[in-house]
Structure formats: C-alpha cells, structure tokens
C-alpha cells in the first residue's frame, strides 16, 4: 500500500561531523532507542529524550519488587521465616540500589 502524501515534505540536510562525534551521536541515539535523525531532531528542538531502554528496565525492576513483596507476605509463619525474610530483604535492597543507579544515570545530563 502506498504511503499517504502529506502537504509538507521533510527536507534532507547534510552536516559535517568527525568520526568520533558521529559515533557518540549514534551511541546516544541507540541508547535512547531512536534513529540518529530523530535523536538530532529532538536534541535541536529541546524535546525531552526519554530512553525506552531505561523504561523497560525500570518496569522490570518494579515488577520484581512487587513479586518480592508478595513473597514476604507468603512466608508468614514459615519454619524458616527469619532466614527467608533476610534473604528477600537483601534482594530488595539490591533492586533498590540498581533502581537508584538507573535513576541517577537518567537524571545526569550527558
């Protein structure tokens, strides 16, 4: 099926970059799960760039934290409750630490 025609066409614009500059831009675009064009467009127009990769990681960490909390509720009156509770709490602490690290990376300007 043919693409619908829009009234306004995008124009191609060429810029000159050193190889290391292009590599940095490509890496940043990739980590934000954007094309180089979209990354440059958003950067030039001061549109906030939200990394999809971090969103996925944060979602997974949030899910894991919920599962850990559920497990803590299930071990009440278990014969090894104290030991299990210590292990689960250390796992929650590790998740919290990882989450804080991700949030700090996201908040730090590149």
PDB file of N, CA and C in Angstrom:
ATOM      1  N   UNK A   1       0.843  -1.175   0.000  1.00  0.00           N
ATOM      2  CA  UNK A   1       0.000   0.000   0.000  1.00  0.00           C
ATOM      3  C   UNK A   1       0.891   1.242   0.000  1.00  0.00           C
ATOM      4  N   UNK A   2       0.539   2.235  -0.790  1.00  0.00           N
ATOM      5  CA  UNK A   2       1.335   3.452  -0.907  1.00  0.00           C
ATOM      6  C   UNK A   2       1.188   4.319   0.334  1.00  0.00           C
ATOM      7  N   UNK A   3       2.257   5.036   0.636  1.00  0.00           N
ATOM      8  CA  UNK A   3       2.237   5.959   1.759  1.00  0.00           C
ATOM      9  C   UNK A   3       1.349   7.151   1.444  1.00  0.00           C
ATOM     10  N   UNK A   4       0.567   7.601   2.432  1.00  0.00           N
ATOM     11  CA  UNK A   4      -0.245   8.793   2.171  1.00  0.00           C
ATOM     12  C   UNK A   4       0.647  10.021   1.976  1.00  0.00           C
ATOM     13  N   UNK A   5       0.280  10.848   1.039  1.00  0.00           N
ATOM     14  CA  UNK A   5       1.046  12.058   0.750  1.00  0.00           C
ATOM     15  C   UNK A   5       0.697  13.143   1.753  1.00  0.00           C
ATOM     16  N   UNK A   6       1.730  13.791   2.298  1.00  0.00           N
ATOM     17  CA  UNK A   6       1.482  14.894   3.219  1.00  0.00           C
ATOM     18  C   UNK A   6       1.757  16.203   2.493  1.00  0.00           C
ATOM     19  N   UNK A   7       1.167  17.255   2.999  1.00  0.00           N
ATOM     20  CA  UNK A   7       1.336  18.563   2.372  1.00  0.00           C
ATOM     21  C   UNK A   7       2.765  19.073   2.565  1.00  0.00           C
ATOM     22  N   UNK A   8       3.393  18.686   3.660  1.00  0.00           N
ATOM     23  CA  UNK A   8       4.737  19.155   3.954  1.00  0.00           C
ATOM     24  C   UNK A   8       5.706  17.982   3.871  1.00  0.00           C
ATOM     25  N   UNK A   9       6.751  18.137   3.094  1.00  0.00           N
ATOM     26  CA  UNK A   9       7.746  17.089   2.934  1.00  0.00           C
ATOM     27  C   UNK A   9       8.963  17.409   3.786  1.00  0.00           C
ATOM     28  N   UNK A  10       9.567  16.386   4.338  1.00  0.00           N
ATOM     29  CA  UNK A  10      10.799  16.586   5.094  1.00  0.00           C
ATOM     30  C   UNK A  10      11.932  16.836   4.119  1.00  0.00           C
ATOM     31  N   UNK A  11      12.820  17.702   4.517  1.00  0.00           N
ATOM     32  CA  UNK A  11      13.974  18.037   3.686  1.00  0.00           C
ATOM     33  C   UNK A  11      15.213  17.363   4.255  1.00  0.00           C
ATOM     34  N   UNK A  12      16.102  16.972   3.386  1.00  0.00           N
ATOM     35  CA  UNK A  12      17.369  16.365   3.789  1.00  0.00           C
ATOM     36  C   UNK A  12      18.358  17.491   4.051  1.00  0.00           C
ATOM     37  N   UNK A  13      19.137  17.350   5.130  1.00  0.00           N
ATOM     38  CA  UNK A  13      20.122  18.348   5.493  1.00  0.00           C
ATOM     39  C   UNK A  13      21.410  17.611   5.837  1.00  0.00           C
ATOM     40  N   UNK A  14      22.503  18.045   5.268  1.00  0.00           N
ATOM     41  CA  UNK A  14      23.787  17.387   5.485  1.00  0.00           C
ATOM     42  C   UNK A  14      24.610  18.189   6.476  1.00  0.00           C
ATOM     43  N   UNK A  15      25.195  17.492   7.439  1.00  0.00           N
ATOM     44  CA  UNK A  15      26.097  18.151   8.382  1.00  0.00           C
ATOM     45  C   UNK A  15      27.433  17.412   8.360  1.00  0.00           C
ATOM     46  N   UNK A  16      28.478  18.111   8.722  1.00  0.00           N
ATOM     47  CA  UNK A  16      29.813  17.516   8.752  1.00  0.00           C
ATOM     48  C   UNK A  16      30.171  17.198  10.196  1.00  0.00           C
ATOM     49  N   UNK A  17      30.593  15.970  10.397  1.00  0.00           N
ATOM     50  CA  UNK A  17      30.967  15.512  11.732  1.00  0.00           C
ATOM     51  C   UNK A  17      32.287  14.764  11.663  1.00  0.00           C
ATOM     52  N   UNK A  18      33.027  14.848  12.749  1.00  0.00           N
ATOM     53  CA  UNK A  18      34.174  13.959  12.880  1.00  0.00           C
ATOM     54  C   UNK A  18      33.651  12.574  13.197  1.00  0.00           C
ATOM     55  N   UNK A  19      34.474  11.575  12.906  1.00  0.00           N
ATOM     56  CA  UNK A  19      34.063  10.190  13.122  1.00  0.00           C
ATOM     57  C   UNK A  19      33.671   9.947  14.578  1.00  0.00           C
ATOM     58  N   UNK A  20      34.463  10.464  15.528  1.00  0.00           N
ATOM     59  CA  UNK A  20      34.155  10.243  16.943  1.00  0.00           C
ATOM     60  C   UNK A  20      32.855  10.941  17.350  1.00  0.00           C
ATOM     61  N   UNK A  21      32.554  12.088  16.723  1.00  0.00           N
ATOM     62  CA  UNK A  21      31.287  12.781  17.017  1.00  0.00           C
ATOM     63  C   UNK A  21      30.107  11.946  16.527  1.00  0.00           C
ATOM     64  N   UNK A  22      30.229  11.419  15.317  1.00  0.00           N
ATOM     65  CA  UNK A  22      29.164  10.586  14.768  1.00  0.00           C
ATOM     66  C   UNK A  22      28.963   9.341  15.624  1.00  0.00           C
ATOM     67  N   UNK A  23      30.043   8.726  16.071  1.00  0.00           N
ATOM     68  CA  UNK A  23      29.928   7.542  16.911  1.00  0.00           C
ATOM     69  C   UNK A  23      29.226   7.852  18.231  1.00  0.00           C
ATOM     70  N   UNK A  24      29.541   9.001  18.824  1.00  0.00           N
ATOM     71  CA  UNK A  24      28.882   9.401  20.068  1.00  0.00           C
ATOM     72  C   UNK A  24      27.393   9.618  19.845  1.00  0.00           C
ATOM     73  N   UNK A  25      27.060  10.291  18.761  1.00  0.00           N
ATOM     74  CA  UNK A  25      25.650  10.562  18.449  1.00  0.00           C
ATOM     75  C   UNK A  25      24.915   9.252  18.194  1.00  0.00           C
ATOM     76  N   UNK A  26      25.520   8.359  17.429  1.00  0.00           N
ATOM     77  CA  UNK A  26      24.893   7.071  17.148  1.00  0.00           C
ATOM     78  C   UNK A  26      24.681   6.266  18.423  1.00  0.00           C
ATOM     79  N   UNK A  27      25.660   6.294  19.325  1.00  0.00           N
ATOM     80  CA  UNK A  27      25.539   5.553  20.580  1.00  0.00           C
ATOM     81  C   UNK A  27      24.420   6.128  21.440  1.00  0.00           C
ATOM     82  N   UNK A  28      24.342   7.447  21.539  1.00  0.00           N
ATOM     83  CA  UNK A  28      23.295   8.084  22.339  1.00  0.00           C
ATOM     84  C   UNK A  28      21.918   7.833  21.735  1.00  0.00           C
ATOM     85  N   UNK A  29      21.829   7.888  20.418  1.00  0.00           N
ATOM     86  CA  UNK A  29      20.552   7.607  19.750  1.00  0.00           C
ATOM     87  C   UNK A  29      20.142   6.163  19.990  1.00  0.00           C
ATOM     88  N   UNK A  30      21.097   5.265  19.899  1.00  0.00           N
ATOM     89  CA  UNK A  30      20.809   3.851  20.127  1.00  0.00           C
ATOM     90  C   UNK A  30      20.353   3.600  21.563  1.00  0.00           C
ATOM     91  N   UNK A  31      21.024   4.222  22.532  1.00  0.00           N
ATOM     92  CA  UNK A  31      20.635   4.003  23.930  1.00  0.00           C
ATOM     93  C   UNK A  31      19.263   4.597  24.234  1.00  0.00           C
ATOM     94  N   UNK A  32      18.841   5.585  23.450  1.00  0.00           N
ATOM     95  CA  UNK A  32      17.505   6.150  23.607  1.00  0.00           C
ATOM     96  C   UNK A  32      16.487   5.439  22.718  1.00  0.00           C
ATOM     97  N   UNK A  33      16.922   4.417  21.985  1.00  0.00           N
ATOM     98  CA  UNK A  33      16.087   3.654  21.055  1.00  0.00           C
ATOM     99  C   UNK A  33      15.456   4.565  20.002  1.00  0.00           C
ATOM    100  N   UNK A  34      16.272   5.487  19.473  1.00  0.00           N
ATOM    101  CA  UNK A  34      15.825   6.408  18.436  1.00  0.00           C
ATOM    102  C   UNK A  34      16.757   6.305  17.239  1.00  0.00           C
ATOM    103  N   UNK A  35      16.265   6.718  16.083  1.00  0.00           N
ATOM    104  CA  UNK A  35      17.147   6.839  14.931  1.00  0.00           C
ATOM    105  C   UNK A  35      18.033   8.060  15.153  1.00  0.00           C
ATOM    106  N   UNK A  36      19.129   8.138  14.424  1.00  0.00           N
ATOM    107  CA  UNK A  36      20.007   9.298  14.540  1.00  0.00           C
ATOM    108  C   UNK A  36      19.243  10.563  14.162  1.00  0.00           C
ATOM    109  N   UNK A  37      18.446  10.502  13.112  1.00  0.00           N
ATOM    110  CA  UNK A  37      17.670  11.665  12.683  1.00  0.00           C
ATOM    111  C   UNK A  37      16.725  12.138  13.782  1.00  0.00           C
ATOM    112  N   UNK A  38      15.998  11.206  14.373  1.00  0.00           N
ATOM    113  CA  UNK A  38      15.046  11.575  15.419  1.00  0.00           C
ATOM    114  C   UNK A  38      15.769  12.097  16.649  1.00  0.00           C
ATOM    115  N   UNK A  39      16.909  11.492  16.977  1.00  0.00           N
ATOM    116  CA  UNK A  39      17.686  11.953  18.127  1.00  0.00           C
ATOM    117  C   UNK A  39      18.160  13.388  17.902  1.00  0.00           C
ATOM    118  N   UNK A  40      18.725  13.675  16.721  1.00  0.00           N
ATOM    119  CA  UNK A  40      19.198  15.024  16.423  1.00  0.00           C
ATOM    120  C   UNK A  40      18.050  16.028  16.388  1.00  0.00           C
ATOM    121  N   UNK A  41      16.919  15.613  15.818  1.00  0.00           N
ATOM    122  CA  UNK A  41      15.754  16.492  15.757  1.00  0.00           C
ATOM    123  C   UNK A  41      15.295  16.875  17.165  1.00  0.00           C
ATOM    124  N   UNK A  42      15.174  15.879  18.038  1.00  0.00           N
ATOM    125  CA  UNK A  42      14.712  16.146  19.400  1.00  0.00           C
ATOM    126  C   UNK A  42      15.726  16.984  20.180  1.00  0.00           C
ATOM    127  N   UNK A  43      17.000  16.705  19.973  1.00  0.00           N
ATOM    128  CA  UNK A  43      18.036  17.472  20.660  1.00  0.00           C
ATOM    129  C   UNK A  43      18.015  18.933  20.201  1.00  0.00           C
ATOM    130  N   UNK A  44      17.935  19.150  18.909  1.00  0.00           N
ATOM    131  CA  UNK A  44      17.944  20.506  18.371  1.00  0.00           C
ATOM    132  C   UNK A  44      16.708  21.301  18.779  1.00  0.00           C
ATOM    133  N   UNK A  45      15.584  20.630  18.922  1.00  0.00           N
ATOM    134  CA  UNK A  45      14.332  21.314  19.270  1.00  0.00           C
ATOM    135  C   UNK A  45      14.049  21.294  20.771  1.00  0.00           C
ATOM    136  N   UNK A  46      15.024  20.857  21.563  1.00  0.00           N
ATOM    137  CA  UNK A  46      14.880  20.780  23.027  1.00  0.00           C
ATOM    138  C   UNK A  46      13.679  19.957  23.469  1.00  0.00           C
ATOM    139  N   UNK A  47      13.424  18.886  22.751  1.00  0.00           N
ATOM    140  CA  UNK A  47      12.367  17.955  23.132  1.00  0.00           C
ATOM    141  C   UNK A  47      13.015  16.911  24.034  1.00  0.00           C
ATOM    142  N   UNK A  48      12.394  16.653  25.182  1.00  0.00           N
ATOM    143  CA  UNK A  48      12.979  15.720  26.135  1.00  0.00           C
ATOM    144  C   UNK A  48      13.115  14.333  25.516  1.00  0.00           C
ATOM    145  N   UNK A  49      14.274  13.752  25.725  1.00  0.00           N
ATOM    146  CA  UNK A  49      14.552  12.421  25.207  1.00  0.00           C
ATOM    147  C   UNK A  49      14.430  11.452  26.369  1.00  0.00           C
ATOM    148  N   UNK A  50      13.478  10.564  26.266  1.00  0.00           N
ATOM    149  CA  UNK A  50      13.265   9.551  27.296  1.00  0.00           C
ATOM    150  C   UNK A  50      13.706   8.217  26.742  1.00  0.00           C
ATOM    151  N   UNK A  51      14.610   7.607  27.434  1.00  0.00           N
ATOM    152  CA  UNK A  51      15.138   6.330  26.973  1.00  0.00           C
ATOM    153  C   UNK A  51      14.124   5.219  27.176  1.00  0.00           C
ATOM    154  N   UNK A  52      13.793   4.510  26.126  1.00  0.00           N
ATOM    155  CA  UNK A  52      12.860   3.379  26.224  1.00  0.00           C
ATOM    156  C   UNK A  52      13.517   2.209  26.933  1.00  0.00           C
ATOM    157  N   UNK A  53      14.810   2.097  26.774  1.00  0.00           N
ATOM    158  CA  UNK A  53      15.528   1.006  27.420  1.00  0.00           C
ATOM    159  C   UNK A  53      15.423   1.134  28.933  1.00  0.00           C
ATOM    160  N   UNK A  54      15.625   2.342  29.452  1.00  0.00           N
ATOM    161  CA  UNK A  54      15.506   2.545  30.891  1.00  0.00           C
ATOM    162  C   UNK A  54      14.080   2.291  31.367  1.00  0.00           C
ATOM    163  N   UNK A  55      13.093   2.660  30.564  1.00  0.00           N
ATOM    164  CA  UNK A  55      11.708   2.406  30.951  1.00  0.00           C
ATOM    165  C   UNK A  55      11.455   0.913  31.098  1.00  0.00           C
ATOM    166  N   UNK A  56      11.995   0.139  30.182  1.00  0.00           N
ATOM    167  CA  UNK A  56      11.832  -1.316  30.263  1.00  0.00           C
ATOM    168  C   UNK A  56      12.518  -1.859  31.512  1.00  0.00           C
ATOM    169  N   UNK A  57      13.726  -1.376  31.774  1.00  0.00           N
ATOM    170  CA  UNK A  57      14.464  -1.834  32.955  1.00  0.00           C
ATOM    171  C   UNK A  57      13.733  -1.431  34.232  1.00  0.00           C
ATOM    172  N   UNK A  58      13.244  -0.204  34.271  1.00  0.00           N
ATOM    173  CA  UNK A  58      12.519   0.248  35.452  1.00  0.00           C
ATOM    174  C   UNK A  58      11.245  -0.557  35.650  1.00  0.00           C
ATOM    175  N   UNK A  59      10.560  -0.862  34.577  1.00  0.00           N
ATOM    176  CA  UNK A  59       9.343  -1.671  34.668  1.00  0.00           C
ATOM    177  C   UNK A  59       9.632  -3.064  35.200  1.00  0.00           C
ATOM    178  N   UNK A  60      10.724  -3.656  34.720  1.00  0.00           N
ATOM    179  CA  UNK A  60      11.098  -4.991  35.183  1.00  0.00           C
ATOM    180  C   UNK A  60      11.493  -4.968  36.656  1.00  0.00           C
ATOM    181  N   UNK A  61      12.251  -3.957  37.056  1.00  0.00           N
ATOM    182  CA  UNK A  61      12.627  -3.840  38.464  1.00  0.00           C
ATOM    183  C   UNK A  61      11.402  -3.630  39.346  1.00  0.00           C
ATOM    184  N   UNK A  62      10.476  -2.843  38.873  1.00  0.00           N
ATOM    185  CA  UNK A  62       9.238  -2.607  39.627  1.00  0.00           C
ATOM    186  C   UNK A  62       8.455  -3.912  39.785  1.00  0.00           C
ATOM    187  N   UNK A  63       8.380  -4.696  38.715  1.00  0.00           N
ATOM    188  CA  UNK A  63       7.689  -5.978  38.764  1.00  0.00           C
ATOM    189  C   UNK A  63       8.356  -6.922  39.759  1.00  0.00           C
ATOM    190  N   UNK A  64       9.679  -6.958  39.731  1.00  0.00           N
ATOM    191  CA  UNK A  64      10.422  -7.829  40.641  1.00  0.00           C
ATOM    192  C   UNK A  64      10.213  -7.408  42.095  1.00  0.00           C
ATOM    193  N   UNK A  65      10.166  -6.108  42.329  1.00  0.00           N
ATOM    194  CA  UNK A  65       9.925  -5.618  43.686  1.00  0.00           C
ATOM    195  C   UNK A  65       8.552  -6.048  44.169  1.00  0.00           C
ATOM    196  N   UNK A  66       7.564  -5.978  43.302  1.00  0.00           N
ATOM    197  CA  UNK A  66       6.217  -6.423  43.651  1.00  0.00           C
ATOM    198  C   UNK A  66       6.185  -7.909  43.995  1.00  0.00           C
ATOM    199  N   UNK A  67       6.915  -8.711  43.220  1.00  0.00           N
ATOM    200  CA  UNK A  67       6.977 -10.150  43.497  1.00  0.00           C
ATOM    201  C   UNK A  67       7.659 -10.421  44.836  1.00  0.00           C
ATOM    202  N   UNK A  68       8.715  -9.677  45.117  1.00  0.00           N
ATOM    203  CA  UNK A  68       9.406  -9.851  46.397  1.00  0.00           C
ATOM    204  C   UNK A  68       8.486  -9.502  47.563  1.00  0.00           C
ATOM    205  N   UNK A  69       7.738  -8.433  47.418  1.00  0.00           N
ATOM    206  CA  UNK A  69       6.802  -8.031  48.471  1.00  0.00           C
ATOM    207  C   UNK A  69       5.753  -9.129  48.683  1.00  0.00           C
ATOM    208  N   UNK A  70       5.275  -9.690  47.593  1.00  0.00           N
ATOM    209  CA  UNK A  70       4.297 -10.776  47.677  1.00  0.00           C
ATOM    210  C   UNK A  70       4.896 -11.974  48.426  1.00  0.00           C
ATOM    211  N   UNK A  71       6.141 -12.314  48.105  1.00  0.00           N
ATOM    212  CA  UNK A  71       6.797 -13.428  48.788  1.00  0.00           C
ATOM    213  C   UNK A  71       6.956 -13.161  50.284  1.00  0.00           C
ATOM    214  N   UNK A  72       7.270 -11.917  50.631  1.00  0.00           N
ATOM    215  CA  UNK A  72       7.391 -11.580  52.054  1.00  0.00           C
ATOM    216  C   UNK A  72       6.078 -11.830  52.789  1.00  0.00           C
ATOM    217  N   UNK A  73       4.972 -11.568  52.129  1.00  0.00           N
ATOM    218  CA  UNK A  73       3.663 -11.782  52.755  1.00  0.00           C
ATOM    219  C   UNK A  73       3.333 -13.282  52.854  1.00  0.00           C
ATOM    220  N   UNK A  74       3.868 -14.090  51.939  1.00  0.00           N
ATOM    221  CA  UNK A  74       3.561 -15.516  51.909  1.00  0.00           C
ATOM    222  C   UNK A  74       4.344 -16.337  52.924  1.00  0.00           C
ATOM    223  N   UNK A  75       5.461 -15.823  53.419  1.00  0.00           N
ATOM    224  CA  UNK A  75       6.300 -16.633  54.305  1.00  0.00           C
ATOM    225  C   UNK A  75       5.947 -16.467  55.789  1.00  0.00           C
ATOM    226  N   UNK A  76       4.902 -15.731  56.083  1.00  0.00           N
ATOM    227  CA  UNK A  76       4.497 -15.563  57.477  1.00  0.00           C
ATOM    228  C   UNK A  76       4.207 -16.948  58.072  1.00  0.00           C
ATOM    229  N   UNK A  77       4.745 -17.206  59.241  1.00  0.00           N
ATOM    230  CA  UNK A  77       4.610 -18.464  59.978  1.00  0.00           C
ATOM    231  C   UNK A  77       5.326 -19.639  59.311  1.00  0.00           C
ATOM    232  N   UNK A  78       6.223 -19.382  58.388  1.00  0.00           N
ATOM    233  CA  UNK A  78       7.035 -20.435  57.779  1.00  0.00           C
ATOM    234  C   UNK A  78       8.127 -20.820  58.780  1.00  0.00           C
ATOM    235  N   UNK A  79       8.514 -22.095  58.835  1.00  0.00           N
ATOM    236  CA  UNK A  79       9.535 -22.519  59.802  1.00  0.00           C
ATOM    237  C   UNK A  79      10.862 -21.755  59.680  1.00  0.00           C
ATOM    238  N   UNK A  80      11.234 -21.344  58.483  1.00  0.00           N
ATOM    239  CA  UNK A  80      12.491 -20.619  58.255  1.00  0.00           C
ATOM    240  C   UNK A  80      12.213 -19.158  57.901  1.00  0.00           C
ATOM    241  N   UNK A  81      11.188 -18.596  58.488  1.00  0.00           N
ATOM    242  CA  UNK A  81      10.739 -17.239  58.138  1.00  0.00           C
ATOM    243  C   UNK A  81      11.852 -16.206  58.286  1.00  0.00           C
ATOM    244  N   UNK A  82      12.602 -16.235  59.383  1.00  0.00           N
ATOM    245  CA  UNK A  82      13.636 -15.221  59.610  1.00  0.00           C
ATOM    246  C   UNK A  82      14.724 -15.262  58.535  1.00  0.00           C
ATOM    247  N   UNK A  83      15.163 -16.458  58.214  1.00  0.00           N
ATOM    248  CA  UNK A  83      16.200 -16.603  57.187  1.00  0.00           C
ATOM    249  C   UNK A  83      15.682 -16.152  55.814  1.00  0.00           C
ATOM    250  N   UNK A  84      14.482 -16.599  55.471  1.00  0.00           N
ATOM    251  CA  UNK A  84      13.885 -16.201  54.183  1.00  0.00           C
ATOM    252  C   UNK A  84      13.666 -14.695  54.120  1.00  0.00           C
ATOM    253  N   UNK A  85      13.226 -14.107  55.210  1.00  0.00           N
ATOM    254  CA  UNK A  85      12.971 -12.671  55.264  1.00  0.00           C
ATOM    255  C   UNK A  85      14.279 -11.882  55.055  1.00  0.00           C
ATOM    256  N   UNK A  86      15.378 -12.348  55.673  1.00  0.00           N
ATOM    257  CA  UNK A  86      16.679 -11.695  55.489  1.00  0.00           C
ATOM    258  C   UNK A  86      17.117 -11.763  54.020  1.00  0.00           C
ATOM    259  N   UNK A  87      16.971 -12.926  53.414  1.00  0.00           N
ATOM    260  CA  UNK A  87      17.355 -13.086  52.002  1.00  0.00           C
ATOM    261  C   UNK A  87      16.507 -12.201  51.089  1.00  0.00           C
ATOM    262  N   UNK A  88      15.200 -12.195  51.323  1.00  0.00           N
ATOM    263  CA  UNK A  88      14.323 -11.366  50.494  1.00  0.00           C
ATOM    264  C   UNK A  88      14.618  -9.886  50.692  1.00  0.00           C
ATOM    265  N   UNK A  89      14.894  -9.484  51.925  1.00  0.00           N
ATOM    266  CA  UNK A  89      15.213  -8.080  52.179  1.00  0.00           C
ATOM    267  C   UNK A  89      16.527  -7.675  51.528  1.00  0.00           C
ATOM    268  N   UNK A  90      17.515  -8.566  51.513  1.00  0.00           N
ATOM    269  CA  UNK A  90      18.773  -8.235  50.840  1.00  0.00           C
ATOM    270  C   UNK A  90      18.558  -8.122  49.326  1.00  0.00           C
ATOM    271  N   UNK A  91      17.686  -8.974  48.781  1.00  0.00           N
ATOM    272  CA  UNK A  91      17.360  -8.884  47.355  1.00  0.00           C
ATOM    273  C   UNK A  91      16.640  -7.570  47.054  1.00  0.00           C
ATOM    274  N   UNK A  92      15.698  -7.187  47.909  1.00  0.00           N
ATOM    275  CA  UNK A  92      15.010  -5.905  47.730  1.00  0.00           C
ATOM    276  C   UNK A  92      15.991  -4.744  47.799  1.00  0.00           C
ATOM    277  N   UNK A  93      16.963  -4.816  48.698  1.00  0.00           N
ATOM    278  CA  UNK A  93      17.972  -3.761  48.805  1.00  0.00           C
ATOM    279  C   UNK A  93      18.799  -3.670  47.525  1.00  0.00           C
ATOM    280  N   UNK A  94      19.142  -4.823  46.941  1.00  0.00           N
ATOM    281  CA  UNK A  94      19.896  -4.830  45.686  1.00  0.00           C
ATOM    282  C   UNK A  94      19.072  -4.232  44.550  1.00  0.00           C
ATOM    283  N   UNK A  95      17.792  -4.561  44.512  1.00  0.00           N
ATOM    284  CA  UNK A  95      16.909  -3.998  43.490  1.00  0.00           C
ATOM    285  C   UNK A  95      16.812  -2.486  43.664  1.00  0.00           C
ATOM    286  N   UNK A  96      16.643  -2.046  44.902  1.00  0.00           N
ATOM    287  CA  UNK A  96      16.547  -0.606  45.175  1.00  0.00           C
ATOM    288  C   UNK A  96      17.819   0.102  44.750  1.00  0.00           C
ATOM    289  N   UNK A  97      18.969  -0.497  45.022  1.00  0.00           N
ATOM    290  CA  UNK A  97      20.249   0.092  44.642  1.00  0.00           C
ATOM    291  C   UNK A  97      20.366   0.213  43.117  1.00  0.00           C
ATOM    292  N   UNK A  98      19.982  -0.845  42.419  1.00  0.00           N
ATOM    293  CA  UNK A  98      20.013  -0.818  40.953  1.00  0.00           C
ATOM    294  C   UNK A  98      19.068   0.234  40.407  1.00  0.00           C
ATOM    295  N   UNK A  99      17.896   0.315  40.988  1.00  0.00           N
ATOM    296  CA  UNK A  99      16.913   1.311  40.568  1.00  0.00           C
ATOM    297  C   UNK A  99      17.450   2.719  40.775  1.00  0.00           C
ATOM    298  N   UNK A 100      18.050   2.972  41.919  1.00  0.00           N
ATOM    299  CA  UNK A 100      18.636   4.293  42.186  1.00  0.00           C
ATOM    300  C   UNK A 100      19.750   4.612  41.199  1.00  0.00           C
ATOM    301  N   UNK A 101      20.563   3.620  40.871  1.00  0.00           N
ATOM    302  CA  UNK A 101      21.634   3.823  39.896  1.00  0.00           C
ATOM    303  C   UNK A 101      21.064   4.208  38.543  1.00  0.00           C
ATOM    304  N   UNK A 102      20.007   3.513  38.110  1.00  0.00           N
ATOM    305  CA  UNK A 102      19.373   3.834  36.825  1.00  0.00           C
ATOM    306  C   UNK A 102      18.782   5.232  36.840  1.00  0.00           C
ATOM    307  N   UNK A 103      18.134   5.578  37.928  1.00  0.00           N
ATOM    308  CA  UNK A 103      17.524   6.911  38.020  1.00  0.00           C
ATOM    309  C   UNK A 103      18.590   8.009  38.021  1.00  0.00           C
ATOM    310  N   UNK A 104      19.704   7.775  38.685  1.00  0.00           N
ATOM    311  CA  UNK A 104      20.787   8.761  38.698  1.00  0.00           C
ATOM    312  C   UNK A 104      21.389   8.920  37.314  1.00  0.00           C
ATOM    313  N   UNK A 105      21.574   7.802  36.591  1.00  0.00           N
ATOM    314  CA  UNK A 105      22.103   7.875  35.232  1.00  0.00           C
ATOM    315  C   UNK A 105      21.158   8.671  34.336  1.00  0.00           C
ATOM    316  N   UNK A 106      19.857   8.433  34.508  1.00  0.00           N
ATOM    317  CA  UNK A 106      18.859   9.103  33.682  1.00  0.00           C
ATOM    318  C   UNK A 106      18.830  10.598  33.970  1.00  0.00           C
ATOM    319  N   UNK A 107      19.029  10.981  35.252  1.00  0.00           N
ATOM    320  CA  UNK A 107      18.971  12.381  35.636  1.00  0.00           C
ATOM    321  C   UNK A 107      20.247  13.143  35.281  1.00  0.00           C
ATOM    322  N   UNK A 108      21.363  12.419  35.114  1.00  0.00           N
ATOM    323  CA  UNK A 108      22.634  13.064  34.812  1.00  0.00           C
ATOM    324  C   UNK A 108      22.671  13.459  33.356  1.00  0.00           C
ATOM    325  N   UNK A 109      22.901  14.762  33.064  1.00  0.00           N
ATOM    326  CA  UNK A 109      22.997  15.180  31.660  1.00  0.00           C
ATOM    327  C   UNK A 109      24.257  14.630  31.027  1.00  0.00           C
ATOM    328  N   UNK A 110      24.147  14.267  29.761  1.00  0.00           N
ATOM    329  CA  UNK A 110      25.302  13.686  29.053  1.00  0.00           C
ATOM    330  C   UNK A 110      26.045  14.765  28.318  1.00  0.00           C
TER     331      UNK A 110
END
